[in-house]
Amino acid sequence: MEKLRICFVGTGSMGSAILHGLLASGYEKKLISATTKSEASSFKLRELGISALATDTSPDANQLLVADAQLIVLGVKPYQINQVLNQISEEVNREAVVISMAAGIELATISQSLPNHKNLVRTMPNTPALVGKGVTGLVGAASASKDAIEAASNLFRTVGEVVEVSESQINALSAISGSGPAWIMYIVEQWEKVAINQGFTAEQAATLVRSTLVGSAELLASSDEDPAVLRKNVTSPGGTTEKLIATLEEAELSKLFESSLEAAVKRAREIAASND
């Protein structure tokens, strides 16, 4: 991607994942700046060669570091977004690309605080970006230029895949891929507990479950087959796997997944409404 000056406003779990993924891609450190809440976090970033300030010790840190940025990544919590946007509104270059990663915060809400800024982008990345395997949903404001959308897409491509969607889809995407890692990790937690309950040690359970998960994911990624076909390939008629799948179907696992997704989407809409 074109070497733009990038500022991360807030480096929580998601902002940190994108920042470190960007560093891992070889992006020039001198072009990256970041704000944190604590001085300790800021110090760690400076040790990596990043220009960083903490709001605890420099209350105007956000305003100072966004001033010369060409691309600004808002990594603050949804409830903080309006406050931060109001803080930086006078300092942000009107041509800068402003990217929000805040779940449930609509482009219209961002535009209210930055009415003279056209290059607004809403995204929903996920934490596998930390290892270069993330997936990010992305939608630009109607006023955003093609170059702005491309710059935002290129940023997130340094840490994985990018899927451009309509804003009406992004809450569902947030539940599917944004929350997806937590979904997977919760399943792994339960899977390992089942193994331990069958007499395996915690170490053995971790090897059995995690290696199976990683191997299966790699098999899926390298195959042109539909997941249903790959599943059927290891499901012998009348066998143990068939019984396992039948038990999951009897428990209506698909309905549980659907209701979980709907609950997450509902929550995203509540967050949006509270920030209007």
C-alpha atoms as a PDB file:
ATOM      1  CA  MET A   1       0.000   0.000   0.000  1.00  0.00           C
ATOM      2  CA  GLU A   2       1.047   3.613  -0.493  1.00  0.00           C
ATOM      3  CA  LYS A   3       3.059   4.694   2.513  1.00  0.00           C
ATOM      4  CA  LEU A   4       0.604   6.910   4.353  1.00  0.00           C
ATOM      5  CA  ARG A   5       1.071   8.385   7.808  1.00  0.00           C
ATOM      6  CA  ILE A   6      -1.193   6.274  10.022  1.00  0.00           C
ATOM      7  CA  CYS A   7      -2.450   7.161  13.489  1.00  0.00           C
ATOM      8  CA  PHE A   8      -4.158   4.660  15.783  1.00  0.00           C
ATOM      9  CA  VAL A   9      -6.413   6.487  18.233  1.00  0.00           C
ATOM     10  CA  GLY A  10      -6.783   3.915  20.972  1.00  0.00           C
ATOM     11  CA  THR A  11      -4.925   0.627  21.025  1.00  0.00           C
ATOM     12  CA  GLY A  12      -7.154  -1.823  22.820  1.00  0.00           C
ATOM     13  CA  SER A  13      -7.280  -5.469  21.795  1.00  0.00           C
ATOM     14  CA  MET A  14      -8.456  -4.788  18.249  1.00  0.00           C
ATOM     15  CA  GLY A  15      -6.397  -1.676  17.596  1.00  0.00           C
ATOM     16  CA  SER A  16      -3.357  -3.432  18.983  1.00  0.00           C
ATOM     17  CA  ALA A  17      -3.981  -6.452  16.760  1.00  0.00           C
ATOM     18  CA  ILE A  18      -4.117  -4.285  13.632  1.00  0.00           C
ATOM     19  CA  LEU A  19      -1.116  -2.197  14.680  1.00  0.00           C
ATOM     20  CA  HIS A  20       1.056  -5.222  15.417  1.00  0.00           C
ATOM     21  CA  GLY A  21      -0.129  -6.939  12.274  1.00  0.00           C
ATOM     22  CA  LEU A  22       0.852  -3.847  10.318  1.00  0.00           C
ATOM     23  CA  LEU A  23       4.288  -3.920  11.912  1.00  0.00           C
ATOM     24  CA  ALA A  24       4.642  -7.612  11.082  1.00  0.00           C
ATOM     25  CA  SER A  25       3.892  -6.791   7.439  1.00  0.00           C
ATOM     26  CA  GLY A  26       7.002  -4.599   7.370  1.00  0.00           C
ATOM     27  CA  TYR A  27       5.291  -1.202   7.384  1.00  0.00           C
ATOM     28  CA  GLU A  28       7.662   1.647   8.235  1.00  0.00           C
ATOM     29  CA  LYS A  29       7.532   2.378  11.949  1.00  0.00           C
ATOM     30  CA  LYS A  30       8.299   6.052  11.449  1.00  0.00           C
ATOM     31  CA  LEU A  31       4.969   6.424   9.627  1.00  0.00           C
ATOM     32  CA  ILE A  32       2.930   4.986  12.507  1.00  0.00           C
ATOM     33  CA  SER A  33       1.745   6.809  15.614  1.00  0.00           C
ATOM     34  CA  ALA A  34      -0.648   5.758  18.354  1.00  0.00           C
ATOM     35  CA  THR A  35      -2.427   6.940  21.458  1.00  0.00           C
ATOM     36  CA  THR A  36      -3.049   4.799  24.507  1.00  0.00           C
ATOM     37  CA  LYS A  37      -4.723   5.362  27.849  1.00  0.00           C
ATOM     38  CA  SER A  38      -1.843   4.444  30.140  1.00  0.00           C
ATOM     39  CA  GLU A  39       1.765   5.589  30.067  1.00  0.00           C
ATOM     40  CA  ALA A  40       2.875   1.974  30.497  1.00  0.00           C
ATOM     41  CA  SER A  41       1.162   0.970  27.240  1.00  0.00           C
ATOM     42  CA  SER A  42       2.541   4.030  25.499  1.00  0.00           C
ATOM     43  CA  PHE A  43       6.054   3.201  26.679  1.00  0.00           C
ATOM     44  CA  LYS A  44       5.817  -0.329  25.252  1.00  0.00           C
ATOM     45  CA  LEU A  45       4.890   1.079  21.837  1.00  0.00           C
ATOM     46  CA  ARG A  46       7.751   3.573  21.940  1.00  0.00           C
ATOM     47  CA  GLU A  47      10.099   0.674  22.685  1.00  0.00           C
ATOM     48  CA  LEU A  48       8.925  -0.812  19.378  1.00  0.00           C
ATOM     49  CA  GLY A  49       9.814   2.408  17.560  1.00  0.00           C
ATOM     50  CA  ILE A  50       6.276   3.802  17.385  1.00  0.00           C
ATOM     51  CA  SER A  51       5.537   7.439  18.174  1.00  0.00           C
ATOM     52  CA  ALA A  52       3.056   7.082  21.044  1.00  0.00           C
ATOM     53  CA  LEU A  53       1.424   9.251  23.691  1.00  0.00           C
ATOM     54  CA  ALA A  54      -0.814   8.353  26.627  1.00  0.00           C
ATOM     55  CA  THR A  55      -3.961  10.322  27.384  1.00  0.00           C
ATOM     56  CA  ASP A  56      -3.372   9.769  31.118  1.00  0.00           C
ATOM     57  CA  THR A  57      -0.193  11.864  30.960  1.00  0.00           C
ATOM     58  CA  SER A  58      -0.928  13.930  27.823  1.00  0.00           C
ATOM     59  CA  PRO A  59      -4.634  14.845  27.813  1.00  0.00           C
ATOM     60  CA  ASP A  60      -4.347  16.275  24.281  1.00  0.00           C
ATOM     61  CA  ALA A  61      -2.576  13.190  22.900  1.00  0.00           C
ATOM     62  CA  ASN A  62      -5.349  12.392  20.425  1.00  0.00           C
ATOM     63  CA  GLN A  63      -5.420  15.912  19.012  1.00  0.00           C
ATOM     64  CA  LEU A  64      -1.631  16.102  18.725  1.00  0.00           C
ATOM     65  CA  LEU A  65      -1.099  12.837  16.875  1.00  0.00           C
ATOM     66  CA  VAL A  66      -4.006  12.979  14.402  1.00  0.00           C
ATOM     67  CA  ALA A  67      -2.978  16.411  13.126  1.00  0.00           C
ATOM     68  CA  ASP A  68      -0.587  15.193  10.422  1.00  0.00           C
ATOM     69  CA  ALA A  69      -2.104  11.744   9.851  1.00  0.00           C
ATOM     70  CA  GLN A  70      -3.383  10.774   6.412  1.00  0.00           C
ATOM     71  CA  LEU A  71      -5.189   7.718   7.720  1.00  0.00           C
ATOM     72  CA  ILE A  72      -6.737   7.589  11.192  1.00  0.00           C
ATOM     73  CA  VAL A  73      -7.896   4.352  12.810  1.00  0.00           C
ATOM     74  CA  LEU A  74     -10.361   4.831  15.651  1.00  0.00           C
ATOM     75  CA  GLY A  75      -9.797   1.933  18.027  1.00  0.00           C
ATOM     76  CA  VAL A  76     -11.792   3.209  20.991  1.00  0.00           C
ATOM     77  CA  LYS A  77     -14.851   1.588  22.567  1.00  0.00           C
ATOM     78  CA  PRO A  78     -18.276   2.418  21.105  1.00  0.00           C
ATOM     79  CA  TYR A  79     -19.274   4.442  24.165  1.00  0.00           C
ATOM     80  CA  GLN A  80     -16.146   6.601  23.735  1.00  0.00           C
ATOM     81  CA  ILE A  81     -16.514   7.315  20.034  1.00  0.00           C
ATOM     82  CA  ASN A  82     -18.473  10.562  20.227  1.00  0.00           C
ATOM     83  CA  GLN A  83     -16.168  12.048  22.855  1.00  0.00           C
ATOM     84  CA  VAL A  84     -13.058  11.192  20.848  1.00  0.00           C
ATOM     85  CA  LEU A  85     -14.509  12.456  17.563  1.00  0.00           C
ATOM     86  CA  ASN A  86     -15.389  15.761  19.215  1.00  0.00           C
ATOM     87  CA  GLN A  87     -11.863  15.993  20.601  1.00  0.00           C
ATOM     88  CA  ILE A  88     -10.158  15.552  17.241  1.00  0.00           C
ATOM     89  CA  SER A  89     -12.686  17.152  14.874  1.00  0.00           C
ATOM     90  CA  GLU A  90     -10.752  20.426  14.540  1.00  0.00           C
ATOM     91  CA  GLU A  91      -7.402  18.703  14.026  1.00  0.00           C
ATOM     92  CA  VAL A  92      -8.250  16.041  11.427  1.00  0.00           C
ATOM     93  CA  ASN A  93      -7.211  16.931   7.891  1.00  0.00           C
ATOM     94  CA  ARG A  94     -10.336  17.127   5.732  1.00  0.00           C
ATOM     95  CA  GLU A  95      -8.798  14.768   3.159  1.00  0.00           C
ATOM     96  CA  ALA A  96      -7.714  12.212   5.754  1.00  0.00           C
ATOM     97  CA  VAL A  97      -9.291   8.776   5.722  1.00  0.00           C
ATOM     98  CA  VAL A  98     -11.038   8.205   9.054  1.00  0.00           C
ATOM     99  CA  ILE A  99     -11.704   4.566   9.880  1.00  0.00           C
ATOM    100  CA  SER A 100     -13.904   3.398  12.735  1.00  0.00           C
ATOM    101  CA  MET A 101     -13.665  -0.090  14.197  1.00  0.00           C
ATOM    102  CA  ALA A 102     -16.360   0.548  16.823  1.00  0.00           C
ATOM    103  CA  ALA A 103     -19.132  -2.045  16.771  1.00  0.00           C
ATOM    104  CA  GLY A 104     -22.596  -0.626  16.218  1.00  0.00           C
ATOM    105  CA  ILE A 105     -21.454   2.911  15.392  1.00  0.00           C
ATOM    106  CA  GLU A 106     -23.004   3.990  12.101  1.00  0.00           C
ATOM    107  CA  LEU A 107     -21.375   6.200   9.492  1.00  0.00           C
ATOM    108  CA  ALA A 108     -24.109   8.792  10.034  1.00  0.00           C
ATOM    109  CA  THR A 109     -23.060   9.090  13.679  1.00  0.00           C
ATOM    110  CA  ILE A 110     -19.426   9.650  12.710  1.00  0.00           C
ATOM    111  CA  SER A 111     -20.447  12.188  10.091  1.00  0.00           C
ATOM    112  CA  GLN A 112     -22.327  14.235  12.693  1.00  0.00           C
ATOM    113  CA  SER A 113     -19.035  14.869  14.510  1.00  0.00           C
ATOM    114  CA  LEU A 114     -16.996  15.242  11.290  1.00  0.00           C
ATOM    115  CA  PRO A 115     -19.473  16.993   8.972  1.00  0.00           C
ATOM    116  CA  ASN A 116     -16.792  18.398   6.677  1.00  0.00           C
ATOM    117  CA  HIS A 117     -14.966  15.126   6.192  1.00  0.00           C
ATOM    118  CA  LYS A 118     -15.973  12.929   3.275  1.00  0.00           C
ATOM    119  CA  ASN A 119     -13.562   9.999   3.598  1.00  0.00           C
ATOM    120  CA  LEU A 120     -15.276   8.088   6.378  1.00  0.00           C
ATOM    121  CA  VAL A 121     -15.032   4.312   6.572  1.00  0.00           C
ATOM    122  CA  ARG A 122     -16.647   1.811   8.921  1.00  0.00           C
ATOM    123  CA  THR A 123     -14.944  -1.513   9.511  1.00  0.00           C
ATOM    124  CA  MET A 124     -15.239  -4.645  11.598  1.00  0.00           C
ATOM    125  CA  PRO A 125     -11.969  -6.591  11.764  1.00  0.00           C
ATOM    126  CA  ASN A 126     -11.237  -9.584  13.958  1.00  0.00           C
ATOM    127  CA  THR A 127      -8.341 -10.504  16.214  1.00  0.00           C
ATOM    128  CA  PRO A 128      -6.656 -13.130  13.965  1.00  0.00           C
ATOM    129  CA  ALA A 129      -5.276  -9.990  12.286  1.00  0.00           C
ATOM    130  CA  LEU A 130      -2.593 -10.301  14.951  1.00  0.00           C
ATOM    131  CA  VAL A 131      -1.189 -13.318  13.092  1.00  0.00           C
ATOM    132  CA  GLY A 132      -1.955 -12.025   9.600  1.00  0.00           C
ATOM    133  CA  LYS A 133      -5.089 -14.157   9.251  1.00  0.00           C
ATOM    134  CA  GLY A 134      -7.802 -11.637   9.998  1.00  0.00           C
ATOM    135  CA  VAL A 135     -10.920 -10.852   8.032  1.00  0.00           C
ATOM    136  CA  THR A 136     -12.353  -7.342   7.944  1.00  0.00           C
ATOM    137  CA  GLY A 137     -15.756  -6.176   6.830  1.00  0.00           C
ATOM    138  CA  LEU A 138     -15.565  -2.706   5.304  1.00  0.00           C
ATOM    139  CA  VAL A 139     -18.022  -0.077   4.074  1.00  0.00           C
ATOM    140  CA  GLY A 140     -17.321   3.497   3.031  1.00  0.00           C
ATOM    141  CA  ALA A 141     -19.577   6.517   3.276  1.00  0.00           C
ATOM    142  CA  ALA A 142     -21.287   7.474   0.023  1.00  0.00           C
ATOM    143  CA  SER A 143     -19.025  10.544  -0.044  1.00  0.00           C
ATOM    144  CA  ALA A 144     -15.789   8.565   0.369  1.00  0.00           C
ATOM    145  CA  SER A 145     -13.459   8.562  -2.625  1.00  0.00           C
ATOM    146  CA  LYS A 146     -12.297   5.387  -4.346  1.00  0.00           C
ATOM    147  CA  ASP A 147      -8.775   6.177  -3.168  1.00  0.00           C
ATOM    148  CA  ALA A 148      -9.983   6.396   0.435  1.00  0.00           C
ATOM    149  CA  ILE A 149     -11.736   3.026   0.213  1.00  0.00           C
ATOM    150  CA  GLU A 150      -8.659   1.517  -1.401  1.00  0.00           C
ATOM    151  CA  ALA A 151      -6.368   2.944   1.290  1.00  0.00           C
ATOM    152  CA  ALA A 152      -8.571   1.503   4.039  1.00  0.00           C
ATOM    153  CA  SER A 153      -8.793  -1.852   2.265  1.00  0.00           C
ATOM    154  CA  ASN A 154      -5.044  -1.959   1.747  1.00  0.00           C
ATOM    155  CA  LEU A 155      -4.429  -1.294   5.434  1.00  0.00           C
ATOM    156  CA  PHE A 156      -6.521  -4.252   6.522  1.00  0.00           C
ATOM    157  CA  ARG A 157      -5.172  -6.482   3.749  1.00  0.00           C
ATOM    158  CA  THR A 158      -1.791  -6.277   5.435  1.00  0.00           C
ATOM    159  CA  VAL A 159      -3.335  -8.360   8.213  1.00  0.00           C
ATOM    160  CA  GLY A 160      -5.706 -10.631   6.296  1.00  0.00           C
ATOM    161  CA  GLU A 161      -8.731 -10.611   4.008  1.00  0.00           C
ATOM    162  CA  VAL A 162     -11.150  -7.738   3.332  1.00  0.00           C
ATOM    163  CA  VAL A 163     -14.814  -8.097   2.434  1.00  0.00           C
ATOM    164  CA  GLU A 164     -16.618  -4.982   1.209  1.00  0.00           C
ATOM    165  CA  VAL A 165     -20.264  -4.966   2.291  1.00  0.00           C
ATOM    166  CA  SER A 166     -23.215  -2.616   2.577  1.00  0.00           C
ATOM    167  CA  GLU A 167     -23.759  -0.913   5.914  1.00  0.00           C
ATOM    168  CA  SER A 168     -26.976  -2.872   6.382  1.00  0.00           C
ATOM    169  CA  GLN A 169     -24.885  -6.064   6.508  1.00  0.00           C
ATOM    170  CA  ILE A 170     -22.144  -4.983   8.859  1.00  0.00           C
ATOM    171  CA  ASN A 171     -23.920  -5.786  12.133  1.00  0.00           C
ATOM    172  CA  ALA A 172     -24.423  -9.370  10.986  1.00  0.00           C
ATOM    173  CA  LEU A 173     -20.826  -9.481   9.783  1.00  0.00           C
ATOM    174  CA  SER A 174     -19.764  -8.254  13.214  1.00  0.00           C
ATOM    175  CA  ALA A 175     -21.436 -11.283  14.792  1.00  0.00           C
ATOM    176  CA  ILE A 176     -20.163 -13.757  12.190  1.00  0.00           C
ATOM    177  CA  SER A 177     -16.523 -12.778  11.790  1.00  0.00           C
ATOM    178  CA  GLY A 178     -15.936  -9.983  14.300  1.00  0.00           C
ATOM    179  CA  SER A 179     -17.165 -12.129  17.187  1.00  0.00           C
ATOM    180  CA  GLY A 180     -16.199 -15.298  15.346  1.00  0.00           C
ATOM    181  CA  PRO A 181     -12.898 -15.886  17.169  1.00  0.00           C
ATOM    182  CA  ALA A 182     -14.692 -15.758  20.538  1.00  0.00           C
ATOM    183  CA  TRP A 183     -17.271 -18.173  19.118  1.00  0.00           C
ATOM    184  CA  ILE A 184     -14.535 -20.591  18.091  1.00  0.00           C
ATOM    185  CA  MET A 185     -12.585 -20.225  21.344  1.00  0.00           C
ATOM    186  CA  TYR A 186     -15.707 -20.949  23.378  1.00  0.00           C
ATOM    187  CA  ILE A 187     -16.265 -24.140  21.395  1.00  0.00           C
ATOM    188  CA  VAL A 188     -12.614 -25.116  21.958  1.00  0.00           C
ATOM    189  CA  GLU A 189     -13.041 -24.516  25.702  1.00  0.00           C
ATOM    190  CA  GLN A 190     -16.009 -26.892  25.851  1.00  0.00           C
ATOM    191  CA  TRP A 191     -14.342 -29.412  23.540  1.00  0.00           C
ATOM    192  CA  GLU A 192     -11.265 -29.589  25.785  1.00  0.00           C
ATOM    193  CA  LYS A 193     -13.428 -29.972  28.897  1.00  0.00           C
ATOM    194  CA  VAL A 194     -15.127 -32.958  27.267  1.00  0.00           C
ATOM    195  CA  ALA A 195     -11.714 -34.502  26.544  1.00  0.00           C
ATOM    196  CA  ILE A 196     -10.536 -33.939  30.122  1.00  0.00           C
ATOM    197  CA  ASN A 197     -13.757 -35.514  31.412  1.00  0.00           C
ATOM    198  CA  GLN A 198     -12.832 -38.590  29.391  1.00  0.00           C
ATOM    199  CA  GLY A 199      -9.598 -38.973  31.339  1.00  0.00           C
ATOM    200  CA  PHE A 200      -7.123 -37.072  29.181  1.00  0.00           C
ATOM    201  CA  THR A 201      -4.749 -34.608  30.820  1.00  0.00           C
ATOM    202  CA  ALA A 202      -5.182 -30.905  30.101  1.00  0.00           C
ATOM    203  CA  GLU A 203      -2.050 -31.029  27.936  1.00  0.00           C
ATOM    204  CA  GLN A 204      -3.309 -34.035  25.996  1.00  0.00           C
ATOM    205  CA  ALA A 205      -6.736 -32.454  25.574  1.00  0.00           C
ATOM    206  CA  ALA A 206      -5.172 -29.265  24.224  1.00  0.00           C
ATOM    207  CA  THR A 207      -3.103 -31.240  21.700  1.00  0.00           C
ATOM    208  CA  LEU A 208      -6.047 -33.340  20.572  1.00  0.00           C
ATOM    209  CA  VAL A 209      -8.469 -30.447  20.179  1.00  0.00           C
ATOM    210  CA  ARG A 210      -6.231 -27.655  18.920  1.00  0.00           C
ATOM    211  CA  SER A 211      -4.278 -29.773  16.461  1.00  0.00           C
ATOM    212  CA  THR A 212      -7.536 -31.185  15.138  1.00  0.00           C
ATOM    213  CA  LEU A 213      -8.937 -27.674  14.766  1.00  0.00           C
ATOM    214  CA  VAL A 214      -5.870 -26.288  12.995  1.00  0.00           C
ATOM    215  CA  GLY A 215      -5.527 -29.340  10.771  1.00  0.00           C
ATOM    216  CA  SER A 216      -9.194 -29.266   9.820  1.00  0.00           C
ATOM    217  CA  ALA A 217      -9.002 -25.543   9.031  1.00  0.00           C
ATOM    218  CA  GLU A 218      -5.983 -26.110   6.801  1.00  0.00           C
ATOM    219  CA  LEU A 219      -7.740 -29.011   5.086  1.00  0.00           C
ATOM    220  CA  LEU A 220     -10.757 -26.803   4.424  1.00  0.00           C
ATOM    221  CA  ALA A 221      -8.583 -23.938   3.165  1.00  0.00           C
ATOM    222  CA  SER A 222      -6.682 -26.189   0.765  1.00  0.00           C
ATOM    223  CA  SER A 223      -9.763 -27.970  -0.591  1.00  0.00           C
ATOM    224  CA  ASP A 224     -12.244 -26.943  -3.248  1.00  0.00           C
ATOM    225  CA  GLU A 225     -14.905 -29.071  -1.584  1.00  0.00           C
ATOM    226  CA  ASP A 226     -17.860 -27.745   0.380  1.00  0.00           C
ATOM    227  CA  PRO A 227     -17.542 -28.231   4.174  1.00  0.00           C
ATOM    228  CA  ALA A 228     -20.533 -30.573   4.060  1.00  0.00           C
ATOM    229  CA  VAL A 229     -18.664 -32.834   1.630  1.00  0.00           C
ATOM    230  CA  LEU A 230     -15.543 -32.874   3.790  1.00  0.00           C
ATOM    231  CA  ARG A 231     -17.691 -33.744   6.797  1.00  0.00           C
ATOM    232  CA  LYS A 232     -19.388 -36.593   4.965  1.00  0.00           C
ATOM    233  CA  ASN A 233     -15.971 -37.923   3.915  1.00  0.00           C
ATOM    234  CA  VAL A 234     -15.241 -38.799   7.559  1.00  0.00           C
ATOM    235  CA  THR A 235     -18.782 -39.877   8.428  1.00  0.00           C
ATOM    236  CA  SER A 236     -19.147 -43.583   7.830  1.00  0.00           C
ATOM    237  CA  PRO A 237     -22.736 -44.897   7.701  1.00  0.00           C
ATOM    238  CA  GLY A 238     -23.645 -46.353  11.067  1.00  0.00           C
ATOM    239  CA  GLY A 239     -20.374 -45.212  12.598  1.00  0.00           C
ATOM    240  CA  THR A 240     -19.408 -43.102  15.595  1.00  0.00           C
ATOM    241  CA  THR A 241     -19.080 -39.837  13.701  1.00  0.00           C
ATOM    242  CA  GLU A 242     -22.545 -40.252  12.226  1.00  0.00           C
ATOM    243  CA  LYS A 243     -23.927 -40.694  15.740  1.00  0.00           C
ATOM    244  CA  LEU A 244     -22.064 -37.611  16.970  1.00  0.00           C
ATOM    245  CA  ILE A 245     -23.467 -35.431  14.155  1.00  0.00           C
ATOM    246  CA  ALA A 246     -26.957 -36.819  14.682  1.00  0.00           C
ATOM    247  CA  THR A 247     -26.772 -35.855  18.358  1.00  0.00           C
ATOM    248  CA  LEU A 248     -25.794 -32.292  17.443  1.00  0.00           C
ATOM    249  CA  GLU A 249     -28.661 -32.103  14.971  1.00  0.00           C
ATOM    250  CA  GLU A 250     -31.111 -33.390  17.570  1.00  0.00           C
ATOM    251  CA  ALA A 251     -29.950 -30.578  19.843  1.00  0.00           C
ATOM    252  CA  GLU A 252     -30.777 -28.148  16.991  1.00  0.00           C
ATOM    253  CA  LEU A 253     -27.290 -26.645  17.041  1.00  0.00           C
ATOM    254  CA  SER A 254     -28.002 -24.654  13.876  1.00  0.00           C
ATOM    255  CA  LYS A 255     -30.897 -22.884  15.621  1.00  0.00           C
ATOM    256  CA  LEU A 256     -28.650 -22.083  18.573  1.00  0.00           C
ATOM    257  CA  PHE A 257     -26.086 -20.533  16.216  1.00  0.00           C
ATOM    258  CA  GLU A 258     -28.827 -18.497  14.530  1.00  0.00           C
ATOM    259  CA  SER A 259     -30.265 -17.214  17.811  1.00  0.00           C
ATOM    260  CA  SER A 260     -26.759 -16.296  19.032  1.00  0.00           C
ATOM    261  CA  LEU A 261     -26.164 -14.285  15.876  1.00  0.00           C
ATOM    262  CA  GLU A 262     -29.534 -12.546  16.162  1.00  0.00           C
ATOM    263  CA  ALA A 263     -28.777 -11.588  19.777  1.00  0.00           C
ATOM    264  CA  ALA A 264     -25.453 -10.056  18.730  1.00  0.00           C
ATOM    265  CA  VAL A 265     -27.062  -8.110  15.866  1.00  0.00           C
ATOM    266  CA  LYS A 266     -29.754  -6.828  18.230  1.00  0.00           C
ATOM    267  CA  ARG A 267     -27.084  -5.612  20.618  1.00  0.00           C
ATOM    268  CA  ALA A 268     -25.268  -3.809  17.793  1.00  0.00           C
ATOM    269  CA  ARG A 269     -28.494  -1.995  16.924  1.00  0.00           C
ATOM    270  CA  GLU A 270     -28.935  -1.002  20.581  1.00  0.00           C
ATOM    271  CA  ILE A 271     -25.423   0.436  20.630  1.00  0.00           C
ATOM    272  CA  ALA A 272     -26.145   2.399  17.452  1.00  0.00           C
ATOM    273  CA  ALA A 273     -29.369   3.783  18.898  1.00  0.00           C
ATOM    274  CA  SER A 274     -27.657   4.880  22.113  1.00  0.00           C
ATOM    275  CA  ASN A 275     -25.060   6.839  20.134  1.00  0.00           C
ATOM    276  CA  ASP A 276     -27.435   8.637  17.730  1.00  0.00           C
END
